[in-house]
Amino acid sequence: MDENSAFDRIKELIHRKKNLDVTQYKENYLKRRIAVRMRAKQARNYTDYLRVIEADDNEYNLLLDKLTINVTQFFRDPEVFIELENTILPEILRKPGNSIKAWSAGCSTGEEPYSIAISLEEAAEKLGVLGLRFEIYATDLDQNAINKGVEGVYEGRTMDNIAQQRRKKYFTFDGKNYRVSDDIKGRVRFFKLNLMEPYKKDFFDLVFCRNVIIYFTRELQRTVLQYYHDSLKEGGILYLGKTETMPLDLRDKFECINIKERIFRKK
């Protein structure tokens, strides 16, 4: 078997074993991530690595962990959350009704959805909104990351963007790790979900999908962004990552309200 065929076979097996269509990832990104596991297994080429995954089912889980990026921290890109608390949430909270639903798509180990929950609590308190009901739906393809999020226990390095006042208010510290308070944990629901499938129509006020679609082909980016459009309520807000852009053919569906922070409103 030549190298191209072996590479194609690896993609086919990932799809069959893990229901992840990696042909939708940018090829260079995919090759870089597979190369990490190839080095770990001392596989010289794709043919060698194909033999590894055919012989060891657990290798699929290890490879999947490399394919799904889990680099995150609380309040990553703080300006995004400043804008959320000072502009976006006051606008939403002034509308009739007292319930908000948000989706953290590609939530990794939970830092983003918990950050959103804290921002909602802080904004409601600042505006004097009593009894605000809200839920954060946190989804990811990586079950290990989801398990970490459900646990809600974090090392200090991921807390760098949280002021001491908020640490004391929303976490307990055991001398080594920070544990998310039960009140905040109770606001976040974790699910395993493939972003390449539609999810809940006209349901969310806020969708966060930051630093995820950058790894997808342009075709898949358009498909996933259309799913987000469908999942948002009319006038709902979509957050993308700092380096991600809205395709031209979707700009009739979303209005850009903050280009620097990549914030869009569903038309």
C-alpha atoms as a PDB file:
ATOM      1  CA  MET A   1       0.000   0.000   0.000  1.00  0.00           C
ATOM      2  CA  ASP A   2       1.388   3.424  -0.942  1.00  0.00           C
ATOM      3  CA  GLU A   3       1.442   6.362   1.482  1.00  0.00           C
ATOM      4  CA  ASN A   4      -1.558   8.179  -0.005  1.00  0.00           C
ATOM      5  CA  SER A   5      -3.664   5.052   0.259  1.00  0.00           C
ATOM      6  CA  ALA A   6      -2.513   4.454   3.840  1.00  0.00           C
ATOM      7  CA  PHE A   7      -3.404   8.043   4.784  1.00  0.00           C
ATOM      8  CA  ASP A   8      -6.853   7.661   3.190  1.00  0.00           C
ATOM      9  CA  ARG A   9      -7.346   4.373   5.021  1.00  0.00           C
ATOM     10  CA  ILE A  10      -6.495   6.021   8.371  1.00  0.00           C
ATOM     11  CA  LYS A  11      -9.142   8.702   7.730  1.00  0.00           C
ATOM     12  CA  GLU A  12     -11.663   6.035   6.763  1.00  0.00           C
ATOM     13  CA  LEU A  13     -11.027   4.046   9.962  1.00  0.00           C
ATOM     14  CA  ILE A  14     -11.348   7.158  12.165  1.00  0.00           C
ATOM     15  CA  HIS A  15     -14.700   7.867  10.515  1.00  0.00           C
ATOM     16  CA  ARG A  16     -15.898   4.304  10.999  1.00  0.00           C
ATOM     17  CA  LYS A  17     -14.627   3.834  14.556  1.00  0.00           C
ATOM     18  CA  LYS A  18     -15.313   7.307  15.976  1.00  0.00           C
ATOM     19  CA  ASN A  19     -17.958   8.717  13.621  1.00  0.00           C
ATOM     20  CA  LEU A  20     -15.716  11.699  12.881  1.00  0.00           C
ATOM     21  CA  ASP A  21     -15.421  12.679   9.221  1.00  0.00           C
ATOM     22  CA  VAL A  22     -11.856  13.999   9.276  1.00  0.00           C
ATOM     23  CA  THR A  23     -11.932  14.609   5.523  1.00  0.00           C
ATOM     24  CA  GLN A  24     -13.635  17.879   6.524  1.00  0.00           C
ATOM     25  CA  TYR A  25     -10.517  19.064   8.370  1.00  0.00           C
ATOM     26  CA  LYS A  26      -7.830  21.009   6.554  1.00  0.00           C
ATOM     27  CA  GLU A  27      -5.358  18.420   5.317  1.00  0.00           C
ATOM     28  CA  ASN A  28      -2.209  20.099   6.663  1.00  0.00           C
ATOM     29  CA  TYR A  29      -3.773  20.395  10.112  1.00  0.00           C
ATOM     30  CA  LEU A  30      -4.840  16.757  10.015  1.00  0.00           C
ATOM     31  CA  LYS A  31      -1.377  15.578   9.025  1.00  0.00           C
ATOM     32  CA  ARG A  32       0.275  17.628  11.782  1.00  0.00           C
ATOM     33  CA  ARG A  33      -1.981  16.135  14.438  1.00  0.00           C
ATOM     34  CA  ILE A  34      -1.547  12.553  13.201  1.00  0.00           C
ATOM     35  CA  ALA A  35       2.229  13.121  13.116  1.00  0.00           C
ATOM     36  CA  VAL A  36       2.168  13.688  16.895  1.00  0.00           C
ATOM     37  CA  ARG A  37       0.847  10.169  17.449  1.00  0.00           C
ATOM     38  CA  MET A  38       3.144   8.737  14.783  1.00  0.00           C
ATOM     39  CA  ARG A  39       6.159  10.063  16.680  1.00  0.00           C
ATOM     40  CA  ALA A  40       4.774   8.705  19.951  1.00  0.00           C
ATOM     41  CA  LYS A  41       4.407   5.240  18.410  1.00  0.00           C
ATOM     42  CA  GLN A  42       7.705   5.494  16.463  1.00  0.00           C
ATOM     43  CA  ALA A  43       5.845   4.978  13.202  1.00  0.00           C
ATOM     44  CA  ARG A  44       8.043   6.003  10.279  1.00  0.00           C
ATOM     45  CA  ASN A  45       5.190   6.568   7.840  1.00  0.00           C
ATOM     46  CA  TYR A  46       1.411   6.266   7.397  1.00  0.00           C
ATOM     47  CA  THR A  47       1.692   2.594   6.509  1.00  0.00           C
ATOM     48  CA  ASP A  48       3.399   1.898   9.839  1.00  0.00           C
ATOM     49  CA  TYR A  49       0.830   3.951  11.731  1.00  0.00           C
ATOM     50  CA  LEU A  50      -2.021   2.205   9.959  1.00  0.00           C
ATOM     51  CA  ARG A  51      -0.738  -1.063  11.389  1.00  0.00           C
ATOM     52  CA  VAL A  52      -0.701   0.521  14.858  1.00  0.00           C
ATOM     53  CA  ILE A  53      -4.334   1.633  14.834  1.00  0.00           C
ATOM     54  CA  GLU A  54      -5.491  -1.623  13.245  1.00  0.00           C
ATOM     55  CA  ALA A  55      -3.863  -3.514  16.130  1.00  0.00           C
ATOM     56  CA  ASP A  56      -4.855  -1.221  19.019  1.00  0.00           C
ATOM     57  CA  ASP A  57      -8.379   0.188  19.387  1.00  0.00           C
ATOM     58  CA  ASN A  58      -7.242   2.469  22.216  1.00  0.00           C
ATOM     59  CA  GLU A  59      -5.040   4.342  19.759  1.00  0.00           C
ATOM     60  CA  TYR A  60      -8.172   5.866  18.228  1.00  0.00           C
ATOM     61  CA  ASN A  61      -8.927   7.592  21.545  1.00  0.00           C
ATOM     62  CA  LEU A  62      -5.378   8.916  21.815  1.00  0.00           C
ATOM     63  CA  LEU A  63      -5.494  10.180  18.239  1.00  0.00           C
ATOM     64  CA  LEU A  64      -8.903  11.775  18.749  1.00  0.00           C
ATOM     65  CA  ASP A  65      -7.478  13.670  21.719  1.00  0.00           C
ATOM     66  CA  LYS A  66      -4.856  15.178  19.390  1.00  0.00           C
ATOM     67  CA  LEU A  67      -7.398  16.012  16.694  1.00  0.00           C
ATOM     68  CA  THR A  68      -9.660  17.935  19.086  1.00  0.00           C
ATOM     69  CA  ILE A  69      -7.758  20.954  20.386  1.00  0.00           C
ATOM     70  CA  ASN A  70      -8.256  21.475  24.128  1.00  0.00           C
ATOM     71  CA  VAL A  71      -6.116  24.562  24.769  1.00  0.00           C
ATOM     72  CA  THR A  72      -8.247  26.931  26.824  1.00  0.00           C
ATOM     73  CA  GLN A  73      -8.504  28.975  30.004  1.00  0.00           C
ATOM     74  CA  PHE A  74     -11.091  30.954  31.922  1.00  0.00           C
ATOM     75  CA  PHE A  75     -12.046  34.228  30.219  1.00  0.00           C
ATOM     76  CA  ARG A  76      -9.744  33.541  27.300  1.00  0.00           C
ATOM     77  CA  ASP A  77      -9.413  36.834  25.371  1.00  0.00           C
ATOM     78  CA  PRO A  78     -10.755  38.954  28.255  1.00  0.00           C
ATOM     79  CA  GLU A  79     -11.989  41.728  25.928  1.00  0.00           C
ATOM     80  CA  VAL A  80     -14.581  39.288  24.574  1.00  0.00           C
ATOM     81  CA  PHE A  81     -16.125  38.888  28.011  1.00  0.00           C
ATOM     82  CA  ILE A  82     -15.866  42.591  28.848  1.00  0.00           C
ATOM     83  CA  GLU A  83     -17.942  43.290  25.737  1.00  0.00           C
ATOM     84  CA  LEU A  84     -20.327  40.487  26.698  1.00  0.00           C
ATOM     85  CA  GLU A  85     -20.929  41.883  30.198  1.00  0.00           C
ATOM     86  CA  ASN A  86     -20.993  45.584  29.305  1.00  0.00           C
ATOM     87  CA  THR A  87     -22.841  45.600  25.971  1.00  0.00           C
ATOM     88  CA  ILE A  88     -24.344  42.292  24.802  1.00  0.00           C
ATOM     89  CA  LEU A  89     -25.916  41.023  28.015  1.00  0.00           C
ATOM     90  CA  PRO A  90     -27.468  44.373  29.076  1.00  0.00           C
ATOM     91  CA  GLU A  91     -29.135  44.494  25.652  1.00  0.00           C
ATOM     92  CA  ILE A  92     -30.475  40.943  26.044  1.00  0.00           C
ATOM     93  CA  LEU A  93     -31.570  41.490  29.635  1.00  0.00           C
ATOM     94  CA  ARG A  94     -33.594  44.562  28.702  1.00  0.00           C
ATOM     95  CA  LYS A  95     -35.814  42.432  26.467  1.00  0.00           C
ATOM     96  CA  PRO A  96     -39.044  40.890  27.799  1.00  0.00           C
ATOM     97  CA  GLY A  97     -38.595  37.545  29.496  1.00  0.00           C
ATOM     98  CA  ASN A  98     -36.185  36.478  32.172  1.00  0.00           C
ATOM     99  CA  SER A  99     -34.451  33.418  30.731  1.00  0.00           C
ATOM    100  CA  ILE A 100     -31.276  33.037  28.675  1.00  0.00           C
ATOM    101  CA  LYS A 101     -29.872  29.978  26.926  1.00  0.00           C
ATOM    102  CA  ALA A 102     -26.272  29.936  25.700  1.00  0.00           C
ATOM    103  CA  TRP A 103     -24.246  27.311  23.860  1.00  0.00           C
ATOM    104  CA  SER A 104     -20.505  26.799  24.196  1.00  0.00           C
ATOM    105  CA  ALA A 105     -19.762  24.731  21.069  1.00  0.00           C
ATOM    106  CA  GLY A 106     -16.416  22.998  21.339  1.00  0.00           C
ATOM    107  CA  CYS A 107     -16.345  23.629  25.091  1.00  0.00           C
ATOM    108  CA  SER A 108     -13.161  21.613  25.733  1.00  0.00           C
ATOM    109  CA  THR A 109     -12.635  21.112  29.488  1.00  0.00           C
ATOM    110  CA  GLY A 110     -15.288  23.596  30.566  1.00  0.00           C
ATOM    111  CA  GLU A 111     -13.476  26.882  31.163  1.00  0.00           C
ATOM    112  CA  GLU A 112     -15.473  28.764  28.510  1.00  0.00           C
ATOM    113  CA  PRO A 113     -19.004  27.719  29.561  1.00  0.00           C
ATOM    114  CA  TYR A 114     -18.206  28.405  33.221  1.00  0.00           C
ATOM    115  CA  SER A 115     -16.829  31.831  32.202  1.00  0.00           C
ATOM    116  CA  ILE A 116     -20.082  32.562  30.353  1.00  0.00           C
ATOM    117  CA  ALA A 117     -22.081  31.550  33.440  1.00  0.00           C
ATOM    118  CA  ILE A 118     -20.011  33.861  35.658  1.00  0.00           C
ATOM    119  CA  SER A 119     -20.451  36.731  33.184  1.00  0.00           C
ATOM    120  CA  LEU A 120     -24.218  36.191  33.231  1.00  0.00           C
ATOM    121  CA  GLU A 121     -24.289  36.233  37.033  1.00  0.00           C
ATOM    122  CA  GLU A 122     -22.161  39.387  37.150  1.00  0.00           C
ATOM    123  CA  ALA A 123     -24.189  41.224  34.500  1.00  0.00           C
ATOM    124  CA  ALA A 124     -27.499  40.358  36.170  1.00  0.00           C
ATOM    125  CA  GLU A 125     -26.191  41.522  39.544  1.00  0.00           C
ATOM    126  CA  LYS A 126     -24.842  44.774  38.077  1.00  0.00           C
ATOM    127  CA  LEU A 127     -28.172  45.527  36.377  1.00  0.00           C
ATOM    128  CA  GLY A 128     -30.253  44.532  39.393  1.00  0.00           C
ATOM    129  CA  VAL A 129     -31.957  41.665  37.564  1.00  0.00           C
ATOM    130  CA  LEU A 130     -33.299  39.318  40.216  1.00  0.00           C
ATOM    131  CA  GLY A 131     -33.927  35.611  39.672  1.00  0.00           C
ATOM    132  CA  LEU A 132     -32.369  35.414  36.223  1.00  0.00           C
ATOM    133  CA  ARG A 133     -32.851  31.932  34.805  1.00  0.00           C
ATOM    134  CA  PHE A 134     -30.155  30.756  32.440  1.00  0.00           C
ATOM    135  CA  GLU A 135     -28.597  27.562  31.137  1.00  0.00           C
ATOM    136  CA  ILE A 136     -25.299  27.008  29.384  1.00  0.00           C
ATOM    137  CA  TYR A 137     -25.157  24.040  27.006  1.00  0.00           C
ATOM    138  CA  ALA A 138     -21.541  22.886  26.775  1.00  0.00           C
ATOM    139  CA  THR A 139     -20.706  20.423  23.993  1.00  0.00           C
ATOM    140  CA  ASP A 140     -17.561  18.765  22.732  1.00  0.00           C
ATOM    141  CA  LEU A 141     -16.546  15.671  20.811  1.00  0.00           C
ATOM    142  CA  ASP A 142     -13.916  14.650  23.374  1.00  0.00           C
ATOM    143  CA  GLN A 143     -15.485  12.640  26.207  1.00  0.00           C
ATOM    144  CA  ASN A 144     -12.401  13.033  28.412  1.00  0.00           C
ATOM    145  CA  ALA A 145     -12.635  16.817  28.097  1.00  0.00           C
ATOM    146  CA  ILE A 146     -16.341  16.697  28.954  1.00  0.00           C
ATOM    147  CA  ASN A 147     -15.613  14.583  32.043  1.00  0.00           C
ATOM    148  CA  LYS A 148     -13.096  17.201  33.181  1.00  0.00           C
ATOM    149  CA  GLY A 149     -15.676  19.934  32.687  1.00  0.00           C
ATOM    150  CA  VAL A 150     -18.305  18.060  34.682  1.00  0.00           C
ATOM    151  CA  GLU A 151     -15.786  17.647  37.513  1.00  0.00           C
ATOM    152  CA  GLY A 152     -15.149  21.408  37.542  1.00  0.00           C
ATOM    153  CA  VAL A 153     -11.701  21.264  39.177  1.00  0.00           C
ATOM    154  CA  TYR A 154      -8.857  23.334  37.711  1.00  0.00           C
ATOM    155  CA  GLU A 155      -5.200  24.127  38.299  1.00  0.00           C
ATOM    156  CA  GLY A 156      -4.119  27.701  38.939  1.00  0.00           C
ATOM    157  CA  ARG A 157      -2.576  28.312  35.491  1.00  0.00           C
ATOM    158  CA  THR A 158      -5.977  28.322  33.789  1.00  0.00           C
ATOM    159  CA  MET A 159      -7.235  30.976  36.246  1.00  0.00           C
ATOM    160  CA  ASP A 160      -4.872  33.812  35.233  1.00  0.00           C
ATOM    161  CA  ASN A 161      -7.642  36.035  33.809  1.00  0.00           C
ATOM    162  CA  ILE A 162      -9.886  35.830  36.887  1.00  0.00           C
ATOM    163  CA  ALA A 163      -9.630  38.608  39.476  1.00  0.00           C
ATOM    164  CA  GLN A 164      -9.163  37.535  43.092  1.00  0.00           C
ATOM    165  CA  GLN A 165     -12.622  38.822  44.003  1.00  0.00           C
ATOM    166  CA  ARG A 166     -14.247  36.532  41.455  1.00  0.00           C
ATOM    167  CA  ARG A 167     -12.058  33.586  42.476  1.00  0.00           C
ATOM    168  CA  LYS A 168     -13.319  33.907  46.040  1.00  0.00           C
ATOM    169  CA  LYS A 169     -16.913  34.368  44.885  1.00  0.00           C
ATOM    170  CA  TYR A 170     -17.221  31.523  42.384  1.00  0.00           C
ATOM    171  CA  PHE A 171     -14.551  28.975  43.396  1.00  0.00           C
ATOM    172  CA  THR A 172     -13.198  27.166  46.409  1.00  0.00           C
ATOM    173  CA  PHE A 173      -9.445  26.587  46.717  1.00  0.00           C
ATOM    174  CA  ASP A 174      -7.997  23.510  48.408  1.00  0.00           C
ATOM    175  CA  GLY A 175      -4.392  24.705  48.425  1.00  0.00           C
ATOM    176  CA  LYS A 176      -3.689  23.209  45.008  1.00  0.00           C
ATOM    177  CA  ASN A 177      -6.767  23.348  42.769  1.00  0.00           C
ATOM    178  CA  TYR A 178      -9.811  25.558  42.266  1.00  0.00           C
ATOM    179  CA  ARG A 179     -13.283  23.997  42.313  1.00  0.00           C
ATOM    180  CA  VAL A 180     -16.201  25.731  40.574  1.00  0.00           C
ATOM    181  CA  SER A 181     -19.013  26.596  42.989  1.00  0.00           C
ATOM    182  CA  ASP A 182     -22.099  24.397  42.939  1.00  0.00           C
ATOM    183  CA  ASP A 183     -24.279  27.353  41.907  1.00  0.00           C
ATOM    184  CA  ILE A 184     -22.254  27.905  38.736  1.00  0.00           C
ATOM    185  CA  LYS A 185     -21.857  24.185  38.034  1.00  0.00           C
ATOM    186  CA  GLY A 186     -25.623  23.813  38.233  1.00  0.00           C
ATOM    187  CA  ARG A 187     -26.020  26.285  35.363  1.00  0.00           C
ATOM    188  CA  VAL A 188     -23.899  24.301  32.890  1.00  0.00           C
ATOM    189  CA  ARG A 189     -24.988  21.091  31.139  1.00  0.00           C
ATOM    190  CA  PHE A 190     -22.326  19.056  29.341  1.00  0.00           C
ATOM    191  CA  PHE A 191     -23.008  16.850  26.301  1.00  0.00           C
ATOM    192  CA  LYS A 192     -20.955  14.961  23.765  1.00  0.00           C
ATOM    193  CA  LEU A 193     -21.802  16.398  20.349  1.00  0.00           C
ATOM    194  CA  ASN A 194     -20.356  16.467  16.843  1.00  0.00           C
ATOM    195  CA  LEU A 195     -20.480  20.037  15.508  1.00  0.00           C
ATOM    196  CA  MET A 196     -20.872  18.674  11.997  1.00  0.00           C
ATOM    197  CA  GLU A 197     -24.530  17.936  12.766  1.00  0.00           C
ATOM    198  CA  PRO A 198     -27.432  20.398  13.358  1.00  0.00           C
ATOM    199  CA  TYR A 199     -28.416  21.054  16.974  1.00  0.00           C
ATOM    200  CA  LYS A 200     -31.588  22.698  18.376  1.00  0.00           C
ATOM    201  CA  LYS A 201     -33.477  25.124  16.129  1.00  0.00           C
ATOM    202  CA  ASP A 202     -34.316  28.720  17.178  1.00  0.00           C
ATOM    203  CA  PHE A 203     -33.241  27.909  20.720  1.00  0.00           C
ATOM    204  CA  PHE A 204     -30.205  29.921  21.859  1.00  0.00           C
ATOM    205  CA  ASP A 205     -29.706  33.587  22.721  1.00  0.00           C
ATOM    206  CA  LEU A 206     -25.917  33.181  22.557  1.00  0.00           C
ATOM    207  CA  VAL A 207     -23.627  30.782  20.703  1.00  0.00           C
ATOM    208  CA  PHE A 208     -19.890  30.707  21.360  1.00  0.00           C
ATOM    209  CA  CYS A 209     -17.768  28.802  18.864  1.00  0.00           C
ATOM    210  CA  ARG A 210     -14.295  30.260  19.164  1.00  0.00           C
ATOM    211  CA  ASN A 211     -11.097  28.852  17.702  1.00  0.00           C
ATOM    212  CA  VAL A 212     -12.835  25.750  16.354  1.00  0.00           C
ATOM    213  CA  ILE A 213     -13.886  26.273  12.728  1.00  0.00           C
ATOM    214  CA  ILE A 214     -10.434  27.575  11.815  1.00  0.00           C
ATOM    215  CA  TYR A 215      -9.418  23.906  11.478  1.00  0.00           C
ATOM    216  CA  PHE A 216     -12.275  23.090   9.082  1.00  0.00           C
ATOM    217  CA  THR A 217     -12.401  23.371   5.304  1.00  0.00           C
ATOM    218  CA  ARG A 218     -14.245  26.415   3.948  1.00  0.00           C
ATOM    219  CA  GLU A 219     -17.099  24.179   2.867  1.00  0.00           C
ATOM    220  CA  LEU A 220     -17.535  22.738   6.355  1.00  0.00           C
ATOM    221  CA  GLN A 221     -17.185  26.199   7.910  1.00  0.00           C
ATOM    222  CA  ARG A 222     -20.179  27.372   5.891  1.00  0.00           C
ATOM    223  CA  THR A 223     -22.181  24.285   6.854  1.00  0.00           C
ATOM    224  CA  VAL A 224     -21.436  24.638  10.587  1.00  0.00           C
ATOM    225  CA  LEU A 225     -22.114  28.391  10.586  1.00  0.00           C
ATOM    226  CA  GLN A 226     -25.463  27.723   8.946  1.00  0.00           C
ATOM    227  CA  TYR A 227     -26.228  25.287  11.769  1.00  0.00           C
ATOM    228  CA  TYR A 228     -25.391  28.025  14.299  1.00  0.00           C
ATOM    229  CA  HIS A 229     -27.637  30.453  12.445  1.00  0.00           C
ATOM    230  CA  ASP A 230     -30.486  27.941  12.639  1.00  0.00           C
ATOM    231  CA  SER A 231     -29.879  27.270  16.339  1.00  0.00           C
ATOM    232  CA  LEU A 232     -30.037  30.957  17.298  1.00  0.00           C
ATOM    233  CA  LYS A 233     -33.227  32.825  18.081  1.00  0.00           C
ATOM    234  CA  GLU A 234     -33.962  35.848  15.930  1.00  0.00           C
ATOM    235  CA  GLY A 235     -31.445  38.528  16.910  1.00  0.00           C
ATOM    236  CA  GLY A 236     -29.287  35.947  18.716  1.00  0.00           C
ATOM    237  CA  ILE A 237     -25.551  36.518  19.093  1.00  0.00           C
ATOM    238  CA  LEU A 238     -22.708  34.430  17.644  1.00  0.00           C
ATOM    239  CA  TYR A 239     -19.119  34.680  18.874  1.00  0.00           C
ATOM    240  CA  LEU A 240     -16.270  33.432  16.655  1.00  0.00           C
ATOM    241  CA  GLY A 241     -12.544  33.254  17.400  1.00  0.00           C
ATOM    242  CA  LYS A 242     -10.197  36.184  16.855  1.00  0.00           C
ATOM    243  CA  THR A 243      -8.746  34.757  13.635  1.00  0.00           C
ATOM    244  CA  GLU A 244     -12.008  33.383  12.218  1.00  0.00           C
ATOM    245  CA  THR A 245     -14.063  35.140   9.560  1.00  0.00           C
ATOM    246  CA  MET A 246     -17.628  35.006   8.315  1.00  0.00           C
ATOM    247  CA  PRO A 247     -17.848  33.646   4.731  1.00  0.00           C
ATOM    248  CA  LEU A 248     -19.128  36.184   2.218  1.00  0.00           C
ATOM    249  CA  ASP A 249     -22.118  34.055   1.247  1.00  0.00           C
ATOM    250  CA  LEU A 250     -23.377  34.035   4.866  1.00  0.00           C
ATOM    251  CA  ARG A 251     -23.159  37.768   5.466  1.00  0.00           C
ATOM    252  CA  ASP A 252     -26.796  38.191   4.512  1.00  0.00           C
ATOM    253  CA  LYS A 253     -27.660  35.976   7.500  1.00  0.00           C
ATOM    254  CA  PHE A 254     -25.439  37.630  10.118  1.00  0.00           C
ATOM    255  CA  GLU A 255     -24.812  41.285  10.945  1.00  0.00           C
ATOM    256  CA  CYS A 256     -21.323  42.030  12.278  1.00  0.00           C
ATOM    257  CA  ILE A 257     -21.707  44.124  15.431  1.00  0.00           C
ATOM    258  CA  ASN A 258     -18.062  44.015  16.618  1.00  0.00           C
ATOM    259  CA  ILE A 259     -15.433  43.061  14.058  1.00  0.00           C
ATOM    260  CA  LYS A 260     -12.521  43.200  16.522  1.00  0.00           C
ATOM    261  CA  GLU A 261     -14.105  40.685  18.887  1.00  0.00           C
ATOM    262  CA  ARG A 262     -15.818  38.727  16.062  1.00  0.00           C
ATOM    263  CA  ILE A 263     -19.368  39.209  17.334  1.00  0.00           C
ATOM    264  CA  PHE A 264     -22.289  38.672  14.948  1.00  0.00           C
ATOM    265  CA  ARG A 265     -26.063  39.010  15.253  1.00  0.00           C
ATOM    266  CA  LYS A 266     -28.517  36.741  13.447  1.00  0.00           C
ATOM    267  CA  LYS A 267     -30.544  38.780  10.968  1.00  0.00           C
END
